[in-house]
Every structure is written in C-alpha cells, then in structure tokens.
Amino acid sequence: MAPVPSYTYPCGNLNIFFIPTFVSVIIIQKFAKVELRSLFGNFQINNILRMIARKRFYGDGAEQDDDSKRVRQLVDEAVSSAGVGHASDYLPLLRSVTSYEKRVKKLAVRVDEFLQGLVDEKRSQKEKGNTMIDHLLSLQETQPDNYTDVTVKGLIVVTRTLEWAMLNLLNHPEVLKKAKIEIDTKIGLDRLMDEPDALNLPYLQCIVSEIFRLYPAAPLPPRRATDDCIVGGYNFQRGTTVIANVWAIHRDPDIWEEPEKFKPERFEKKGEDKKLITFGMGRRACPGSGLAQRVLRLALGSMIQCFEWERVGEEYVDTTEATTMLPATPLLAMCRARPIVHKILNA
C-alpha cells in the first residue's frame, strides 16, 4: 500500500481548540489548580476527530451532545484497556475462561461502528473537504485495490505522553525554564507556536524524545512469526508470538548513560535518537508515529509558551506507573496564563 503523505493533515492550528480548552478552566491572572488528564483527553478527542472529519466534540457546549458523550466513553474504555497486560496474552489456554478478549473485541466493534459512521457521512456529502477521510476516500476511488475500506483509529499515545511530559517538567523546573527560554527566543511573545516552529526548537524535541524513551506507549509490543525463522540463534516456529521489551531496552545501562534519569540533554548528541524504538522499526513500525510526534511537539510547546506551571506542593510529583501505563494518580498542577494569552485573546 502506498503511504498517505503526512503533510495532507496539517495540525498547526490546534491552538484554536487547545488554548480555549485550558483558558476556560483557569483564572487568567492567578494560579489555579487543574487536573490535566481529562484536559489532555478532551484535547486529543478534538484534535484527532478534527483532522479525521472536521468534527468537534468538546468546548462551547459540544460535550453535552450524545455523540460527544459516546466518543468520550469509547476513548476512556480504550485508554483503560490499551497497554494493560493480561494473563491470556501469554497463556492462550486462559482465553476460554476469562472475559478480557471478548470485552476488547466488543469495544473494537463499537469503535469501528462510530468511525464507520463518520466515513459514511463523508461519503454522502457532495462537496469534497480536506479531512483525512476525504483524502482516503479519494485514494480508494483511484486505487481501489490498495484502499478497500476506511476506518481510522485515534492516538492514545499523545494523551499518555503529554501527561508524563508535564509530570517530569514539574519535577524538573530547570528543564521547563530552558524550554520556555528557547520558545520565547525563537518564536517571541506576539504569536502562538505553529507546527513549522517545532523544527526550530531542538531542545523541545529532546524533551519529547526523552519522554518517549522513559515511557513508551507500547512497552511490550507483540509480533507473530509468519514463517519458521531463526533470530539471534533462537528457533521460532510459524505462529509463535514474540514480545519485545521496549521498556527495558530504553533503560538498558549498556545503551544509555544514567538510564533512570530524566535527562533531555542526552539527545543533543547526534544520532542518539536512532536508539529509540518507541514506534517499532522497519515495515511493521507504527504508521501514526509521524503524526503523534507532530501533535505532541505542538501541544507541549504550546503549553510551555502560553502558561506558567508549578507543582501543587513542594513535594515531587509521584512517578508511579499504573497498569494502564499512565501515572497511578491523575496529574494535578498549578497553572496561570502568560501575557501572550492575554494578547491573543484581546486581539
């Protein structure tokens, strides 16, 4: 299948939804306590569905719609199910006595039904738009053998990674300060960060890479052998499931210096990012990796540019991981709008 160009789906104006989402829950001129997990989730719902189908499900009262409630329920269930290790994944005999696989399959059907509804709605429209679905439907018409149908999945990885990024920035204010100086110097205080700006913010990219290293969204990605093969001297029969421990590889002291430390500066060394396998490698690498990284850079950069951030108390934020690969406790932070927000809102 020919790849769909990533530039087809610009995300530079995410701030249209992103900034109002935060401003609506904070006191503009004073620090306010905010719970970030739900805000990140709502932002990501809007972001993905805006690119897919020009739909908005959060903000300006949209969250009260039945479709919006349905979307949030599906996303919440998907986030809680994704990344959770289950005994039946490793002992197939248990599949007949547990409900996990059946529950996940039912969830997948519900998600596909919702997404297929978006596709059918786009098919029925006479005018072509500039959404992901529009472009894929166009490719389906010109290359029917390659594009047989369309259903598009969202990106759970961004919601998770944003929360881990902010948690570590709160625990390392010197890193947050350095990133803020870079953004203010390169972009200024008269406009919001845009997607092309990320290419000129190397330290921001270092932060993103370090978060991907410490908290891979898929720490134990499975692969299945399609033929008998020998890998590293081990024989694998066709159908064998092989699990790569990405979490351990990213914290291997033989590969990384001080692997347990949050140290974005390590990626200032040329070629260091080539060690990352957050999104897999080769032909089976995650096809959404480019989009996820672009959205994450823009979202995180916008949060640093537009808001002041502090811990709720003097204590370090707990970095304990839950089984869902999220922080065990939803992240709370003190947030205050920076002058650029006043300038943009009053323009």
Protein backbone atom coordinates (compact mmCIF):
# COMPACT_ATOMS: atom_id res chain seq x y z
CA MET A 1 0.00 0.00 0.00
CA ALA A 2 1.34 3.41 -0.92
CA PRO A 3 1.77 5.70 2.08
CA VAL A 4 -0.55 8.68 2.53
CA PRO A 5 1.62 11.85 2.76
CA SER A 6 1.70 13.18 6.30
CA TYR A 7 1.56 16.77 5.09
CA THR A 8 -2.02 16.14 3.99
CA TYR A 9 -3.19 16.64 7.57
CA PRO A 10 -1.82 19.93 8.95
CA CYS A 11 -2.10 20.32 12.71
CA GLY A 12 -0.66 23.81 13.01
CA ASN A 13 -3.93 25.42 14.13
CA LEU A 14 -4.56 23.02 17.00
CA ASN A 15 -4.33 26.05 19.26
CA ILE A 16 -7.81 27.03 18.04
CA PHE A 17 -9.08 24.30 20.35
CA PHE A 18 -6.12 23.82 22.66
CA ILE A 19 -5.77 27.27 24.22
CA PRO A 20 -9.51 27.87 24.91
CA THR A 21 -9.68 24.41 26.49
CA PHE A 22 -7.19 25.49 29.16
CA VAL A 23 -8.26 29.11 29.49
CA SER A 24 -11.83 28.02 30.17
CA VAL A 25 -10.81 26.21 33.35
CA ILE A 26 -8.25 28.60 34.83
CA ILE A 27 -8.30 32.05 36.35
CA ILE A 28 -6.47 34.18 33.80
CA GLN A 29 -4.31 36.23 36.17
CA LYS A 30 -3.95 33.85 39.12
CA PHE A 31 -2.63 30.35 39.61
CA ALA A 32 -5.39 27.74 39.59
CA LYS A 33 -5.26 24.01 40.23
CA VAL A 34 -6.05 21.94 37.14
CA GLU A 35 -6.41 18.20 36.56
CA LEU A 36 -4.52 17.54 33.35
CA ARG A 37 -5.53 14.01 32.33
CA SER A 38 -9.11 14.90 31.44
CA LEU A 39 -8.00 18.11 29.69
CA PHE A 40 -5.45 16.21 27.60
CA GLY A 41 -8.08 13.61 26.75
CA ASN A 42 -10.59 16.21 25.61
CA PHE A 43 -7.91 18.00 23.60
CA GLN A 44 -6.93 14.78 21.88
CA ILE A 45 -10.52 13.86 21.03
CA ASN A 46 -10.98 17.24 19.36
CA ASN A 47 -7.62 17.07 17.64
CA ILE A 48 -7.98 13.63 16.08
CA LEU A 49 -11.62 13.97 15.07
CA ARG A 50 -10.98 17.43 13.64
CA MET A 51 -8.31 16.01 11.34
CA ILE A 52 -10.38 12.94 10.51
CA ALA A 53 -13.77 14.51 9.87
CA ARG A 54 -13.82 18.20 10.92
CA LYS A 55 -15.87 17.26 13.97
CA ARG A 56 -15.71 18.98 17.34
CA PHE A 57 -16.79 17.13 20.47
CA TYR A 58 -15.52 19.40 23.24
CA GLY A 59 -15.86 23.10 24.01
CA ASP A 60 -18.68 25.63 23.56
CA GLY A 61 -21.20 23.15 24.97
CA ALA A 62 -20.40 20.40 22.45
CA GLU A 63 -19.55 17.99 25.28
CA GLN A 64 -23.26 17.79 26.18
CA ASP A 65 -24.19 16.19 22.85
CA ASP A 66 -25.00 12.48 22.82
CA ASP A 67 -22.31 11.83 20.21
CA SER A 68 -19.74 13.62 22.36
CA LYS A 69 -20.63 11.53 25.40
CA ARG A 70 -20.39 8.39 23.27
CA VAL A 71 -16.94 9.37 22.00
CA ARG A 72 -15.58 10.10 25.48
CA GLN A 73 -16.89 6.79 26.79
CA LEU A 74 -15.22 4.89 23.93
CA VAL A 75 -11.93 6.73 24.45
CA ASP A 76 -12.00 6.17 28.22
CA GLU A 77 -12.56 2.43 27.70
CA ALA A 78 -9.86 2.25 25.04
CA VAL A 79 -7.31 4.03 27.25
CA SER A 80 -8.07 1.77 30.20
CA SER A 81 -7.76 -1.36 28.03
CA ALA A 82 -4.71 -0.40 25.98
CA GLY A 83 -1.36 -1.26 27.48
CA VAL A 84 -2.82 -3.48 30.18
CA GLY A 85 -1.05 -6.81 30.41
CA HIS A 86 -3.37 -9.79 30.70
CA ALA A 87 -2.54 -13.38 31.52
CA SER A 88 -4.37 -14.69 28.44
CA ASP A 89 -1.90 -12.79 26.23
CA TYR A 90 0.85 -15.11 27.43
CA LEU A 91 -1.18 -18.23 28.24
CA PRO A 92 -3.71 -18.70 25.41
CA LEU A 93 -5.44 -21.51 27.31
CA LEU A 94 -6.87 -18.89 29.66
CA ARG A 95 -8.80 -17.16 26.88
CA SER A 96 -11.69 -19.58 27.27
CA VAL A 97 -12.13 -18.78 30.97
CA THR A 98 -11.60 -15.00 31.00
CA SER A 99 -13.73 -12.21 29.56
CA TYR A 100 -10.89 -9.83 28.66
CA GLU A 101 -10.57 -10.75 24.99
CA LYS A 102 -14.33 -10.79 24.49
CA ARG A 103 -14.65 -7.37 26.13
CA VAL A 104 -11.90 -5.86 23.97
CA LYS A 105 -13.42 -7.29 20.78
CA LYS A 106 -16.80 -5.79 21.65
CA LEU A 107 -15.13 -2.43 22.26
CA ALA A 108 -13.37 -2.66 18.88
CA VAL A 109 -16.71 -3.27 17.16
CA ARG A 110 -18.25 -0.21 18.86
CA VAL A 111 -15.27 1.97 17.90
CA ASP A 112 -15.43 0.77 14.28
CA GLU A 113 -19.18 1.42 14.15
CA PHE A 114 -18.64 5.00 15.30
CA LEU A 115 -15.77 5.64 12.89
CA GLN A 116 -17.63 3.99 10.03
CA GLY A 117 -20.49 6.40 10.71
CA LEU A 118 -18.09 9.29 10.13
CA VAL A 119 -16.94 7.69 6.89
CA ASP A 120 -20.49 7.12 5.66
CA GLU A 121 -21.38 10.73 6.49
CA LYS A 122 -18.44 11.95 4.41
CA ARG A 123 -19.38 9.64 1.54
CA SER A 124 -22.86 11.16 1.43
CA GLN A 125 -21.58 14.73 1.15
CA LYS A 126 -21.38 16.15 -2.36
CA GLU A 127 -18.52 18.55 -1.72
CA LYS A 128 -15.07 17.17 -1.00
CA GLY A 129 -13.27 18.52 2.04
CA ASN A 130 -9.69 18.46 3.28
CA THR A 131 -10.01 15.88 6.04
CA MET A 132 -8.20 12.58 6.41
CA ILE A 133 -11.36 10.69 5.43
CA ASP A 134 -11.81 12.83 2.30
CA HIS A 135 -8.29 12.06 1.13
CA LEU A 136 -8.51 8.34 1.89
CA LEU A 137 -11.85 8.09 0.08
CA SER A 138 -10.25 9.82 -2.90
CA LEU A 139 -7.40 7.31 -2.86
CA GLN A 140 -9.94 4.50 -2.61
CA GLU A 141 -11.51 5.71 -5.86
CA THR A 142 -8.20 5.95 -7.74
CA GLN A 143 -6.51 2.89 -6.18
CA PRO A 144 -9.34 0.52 -5.16
CA ASP A 145 -7.00 -2.47 -4.87
CA ASN A 146 -4.93 -0.73 -2.21
CA TYR A 147 -7.62 1.20 -0.34
CA THR A 148 -10.51 -1.22 0.11
CA ASP A 149 -12.19 0.47 3.07
CA VAL A 150 -11.62 3.19 5.62
CA THR A 151 -11.71 3.20 9.39
CA VAL A 152 -9.37 5.48 11.31
CA LYS A 153 -8.15 4.97 14.86
CA GLY A 154 -7.18 7.77 17.22
CA LEU A 155 -3.90 8.25 19.03
CA ILE A 156 -3.92 7.20 22.69
CA VAL A 157 -0.16 7.72 22.76
CA VAL A 158 -0.45 11.53 22.78
CA THR A 159 -2.71 11.67 25.83
CA ARG A 160 -0.40 9.40 27.80
CA THR A 161 2.81 11.05 26.71
CA LEU A 162 1.59 14.59 27.40
CA GLU A 163 0.78 13.67 30.99
CA TRP A 164 4.19 12.06 31.53
CA ALA A 165 5.90 15.04 29.90
CA MET A 166 4.19 17.57 32.17
CA LEU A 167 4.82 15.40 35.24
CA ASN A 168 8.55 15.35 34.54
CA LEU A 169 8.69 19.05 33.70
CA LEU A 170 7.02 19.84 37.04
CA ASN A 171 9.63 17.70 38.80
CA HIS A 172 12.45 19.35 36.81
CA PRO A 173 11.67 23.10 36.65
CA GLU A 174 15.14 23.81 35.24
CA VAL A 175 14.20 21.83 32.11
CA LEU A 176 10.88 23.66 31.87
CA LYS A 177 12.69 27.01 32.16
CA LYS A 178 15.20 26.10 29.45
CA ALA A 179 12.41 25.04 27.08
CA LYS A 180 10.49 28.26 27.79
CA ILE A 181 13.55 30.40 27.01
CA GLU A 182 14.06 28.54 23.73
CA ILE A 183 10.43 29.07 22.68
CA ASP A 184 10.36 32.74 23.70
CA THR A 185 13.64 33.40 21.89
CA LYS A 186 12.79 31.57 18.66
CA ILE A 187 9.07 32.48 18.40
CA GLY A 188 8.61 35.59 20.52
CA LEU A 189 5.60 36.72 22.54
CA ASP A 190 3.41 38.11 19.77
CA ARG A 191 2.04 34.92 18.21
CA LEU A 192 1.23 31.35 19.08
CA MET A 193 3.53 28.50 18.21
CA ASP A 194 2.72 26.87 14.87
CA GLU A 195 3.62 23.44 13.52
CA PRO A 196 6.65 24.56 11.42
CA ASP A 197 8.15 26.22 14.52
CA ALA A 198 8.80 22.81 16.07
CA LEU A 199 11.58 22.19 13.55
CA ASN A 200 13.48 25.14 15.03
CA LEU A 201 13.08 24.05 18.66
CA PRO A 202 15.72 21.34 19.17
CA TYR A 203 15.51 21.31 22.97
CA LEU A 204 11.74 20.76 22.85
CA GLN A 205 12.40 17.78 20.58
CA CYS A 206 14.95 16.49 23.12
CA ILE A 207 12.26 16.59 25.81
CA VAL A 208 9.82 14.68 23.60
CA SER A 209 12.47 12.06 22.77
CA GLU A 210 13.35 11.60 26.44
CA ILE A 211 9.69 11.06 27.34
CA PHE A 212 9.36 8.50 24.53
CA ARG A 213 12.44 6.75 25.93
CA LEU A 214 11.24 6.59 29.52
CA TYR A 215 7.56 5.97 28.85
CA PRO A 216 6.99 4.10 25.58
CA ALA A 217 3.27 3.87 24.84
CA ALA A 218 3.68 0.20 23.87
CA PRO A 219 6.32 -1.15 26.28
CA LEU A 220 5.78 -4.80 25.28
CA PRO A 221 4.77 -4.83 21.60
CA PRO A 222 3.95 -8.34 20.32
CA ARG A 223 4.93 -9.76 16.94
CA ARG A 224 3.93 -13.09 15.39
CA ALA A 225 6.23 -15.14 13.17
CA THR A 226 4.66 -15.65 9.74
CA ASP A 227 7.19 -18.37 8.88
CA ASP A 228 9.70 -20.58 10.68
CA CYS A 229 12.78 -18.48 11.35
CA ILE A 230 15.96 -18.14 13.41
CA VAL A 231 16.57 -14.87 15.28
CA GLY A 232 19.60 -14.37 17.48
CA GLY A 233 20.28 -18.10 17.45
CA TYR A 234 16.77 -18.99 18.62
CA ASN A 235 14.36 -21.06 16.54
CA PHE A 236 10.83 -19.70 16.18
CA GLN A 237 8.07 -21.76 14.65
CA ARG A 238 5.45 -20.16 12.45
CA GLY A 239 2.71 -18.61 14.60
CA THR A 240 4.97 -18.01 17.60
CA THR A 241 4.28 -14.76 19.44
CA VAL A 242 7.42 -12.80 20.27
CA ILE A 243 7.32 -9.87 22.69
CA ALA A 244 9.97 -7.15 22.63
CA ASN A 245 10.69 -5.50 25.98
CA VAL A 246 11.00 -1.91 24.72
CA TRP A 247 10.73 -0.57 28.28
CA ALA A 248 13.86 -2.50 29.32
CA ILE A 249 15.76 -1.64 26.12
CA HIS A 250 15.14 2.06 26.69
CA ARG A 251 16.55 1.77 30.22
CA ASP A 252 19.49 -0.51 29.45
CA PRO A 253 22.67 0.91 31.10
CA ASP A 254 24.76 -0.64 28.31
CA ILE A 255 22.96 1.63 25.84
CA TRP A 256 22.09 4.73 27.85
CA GLU A 257 24.08 6.79 30.32
CA GLU A 258 22.18 7.17 33.62
CA PRO A 259 19.12 5.49 32.07
CA GLU A 260 16.77 6.06 35.02
CA LYS A 261 17.24 9.84 34.97
CA PHE A 262 15.08 12.31 33.08
CA LYS A 263 17.81 13.94 31.03
CA PRO A 264 16.68 15.52 27.72
CA GLU A 265 20.21 16.80 27.06
CA ARG A 266 21.29 13.27 26.15
CA PHE A 267 19.55 13.71 22.79
CA GLU A 268 21.64 16.75 21.90
CA LYS A 269 24.27 14.21 20.87
CA LYS A 270 23.94 13.46 17.17
CA GLY A 271 22.42 10.06 16.40
CA GLU A 272 21.21 9.38 19.93
CA ASP A 273 17.57 9.41 18.81
CA LYS A 274 18.33 6.48 16.48
CA LYS A 275 18.41 4.24 19.56
CA LEU A 276 14.71 4.83 20.20
CA ILE A 277 12.25 2.13 19.14
CA THR A 278 9.16 3.71 20.67
CA PHE A 279 7.16 3.17 17.49
CA GLY A 280 8.85 -0.02 16.36
CA MET A 281 11.16 -0.43 13.39
CA GLY A 282 11.07 -1.37 9.74
CA ARG A 283 7.96 -2.32 7.80
CA ARG A 284 5.95 -3.01 10.97
CA ALA A 285 6.66 0.35 12.59
CA CYS A 286 3.64 2.34 13.75
CA PRO A 287 2.22 4.25 10.74
CA GLY A 288 0.98 7.02 13.03
CA SER A 289 4.37 7.84 14.55
CA GLY A 290 4.94 10.97 12.50
CA LEU A 291 1.53 12.41 13.32
CA ALA A 292 1.87 11.55 17.01
CA GLN A 293 5.22 13.31 17.26
CA ARG A 294 4.00 16.40 15.43
CA VAL A 295 0.91 16.75 17.61
CA LEU A 296 2.89 16.13 20.77
CA ARG A 297 5.56 18.72 19.95
CA LEU A 298 2.95 21.35 19.16
CA ALA A 299 0.78 20.61 22.20
CA LEU A 300 3.66 20.51 24.67
CA GLY A 301 5.29 23.59 23.15
CA SER A 302 2.01 25.50 23.33
CA MET A 303 1.56 24.60 26.99
CA ILE A 304 5.03 25.91 27.77
CA GLN A 305 4.58 29.05 25.67
CA CYS A 306 1.15 30.03 26.98
CA PHE A 307 1.12 29.02 30.65
CA GLU A 308 3.18 29.12 33.82
CA TRP A 309 3.37 25.76 35.58
CA GLU A 310 4.17 24.79 39.15
CA ARG A 311 3.72 21.77 41.39
CA VAL A 312 0.72 21.84 43.73
CA GLY A 313 3.04 21.46 46.72
CA GLU A 314 6.74 21.37 47.44
CA GLU A 315 6.89 17.58 47.18
CA TYR A 316 7.91 15.93 43.93
CA VAL A 317 5.05 14.56 41.85
CA ASP A 318 4.68 10.79 42.24
CA THR A 319 6.04 8.96 39.17
CA THR A 320 4.50 5.57 39.98
CA GLU A 321 3.00 3.92 36.91
CA ALA A 322 -0.41 2.27 36.85
CA THR A 323 -1.09 -0.92 34.87
CA THR A 324 -2.54 1.29 32.11
CA MET A 325 0.93 2.88 31.61
CA LEU A 326 -0.44 6.19 32.91
CA PRO A 327 0.66 7.82 36.18
CA ALA A 328 -1.03 6.00 39.06
CA THR A 329 -2.64 9.28 40.16
CA PRO A 330 -4.10 11.78 37.65
CA LEU A 331 -1.74 14.73 37.40
CA LEU A 332 -2.62 17.94 39.25
CA ALA A 333 -0.73 21.17 38.62
CA MET A 334 -0.91 24.88 39.32
CA CYS A 335 -1.44 26.82 36.10
CA ARG A 336 -1.52 30.51 35.16
CA ALA A 337 -1.82 32.16 31.76
CA ARG A 338 1.24 34.02 30.47
CA PRO A 339 0.98 37.51 28.89
CA ILE A 340 0.82 36.06 25.37
CA VAL A 341 -2.59 34.55 26.17
CA HIS A 342 -3.98 37.95 27.18
CA LYS A 343 -2.58 39.44 23.98
CA ILE A 344 -4.08 36.74 21.75
CA LEU A 345 -7.49 36.75 23.45
CA ASN A 346 -7.73 40.54 23.34
CA ALA A 347 -6.55 40.87 19.74
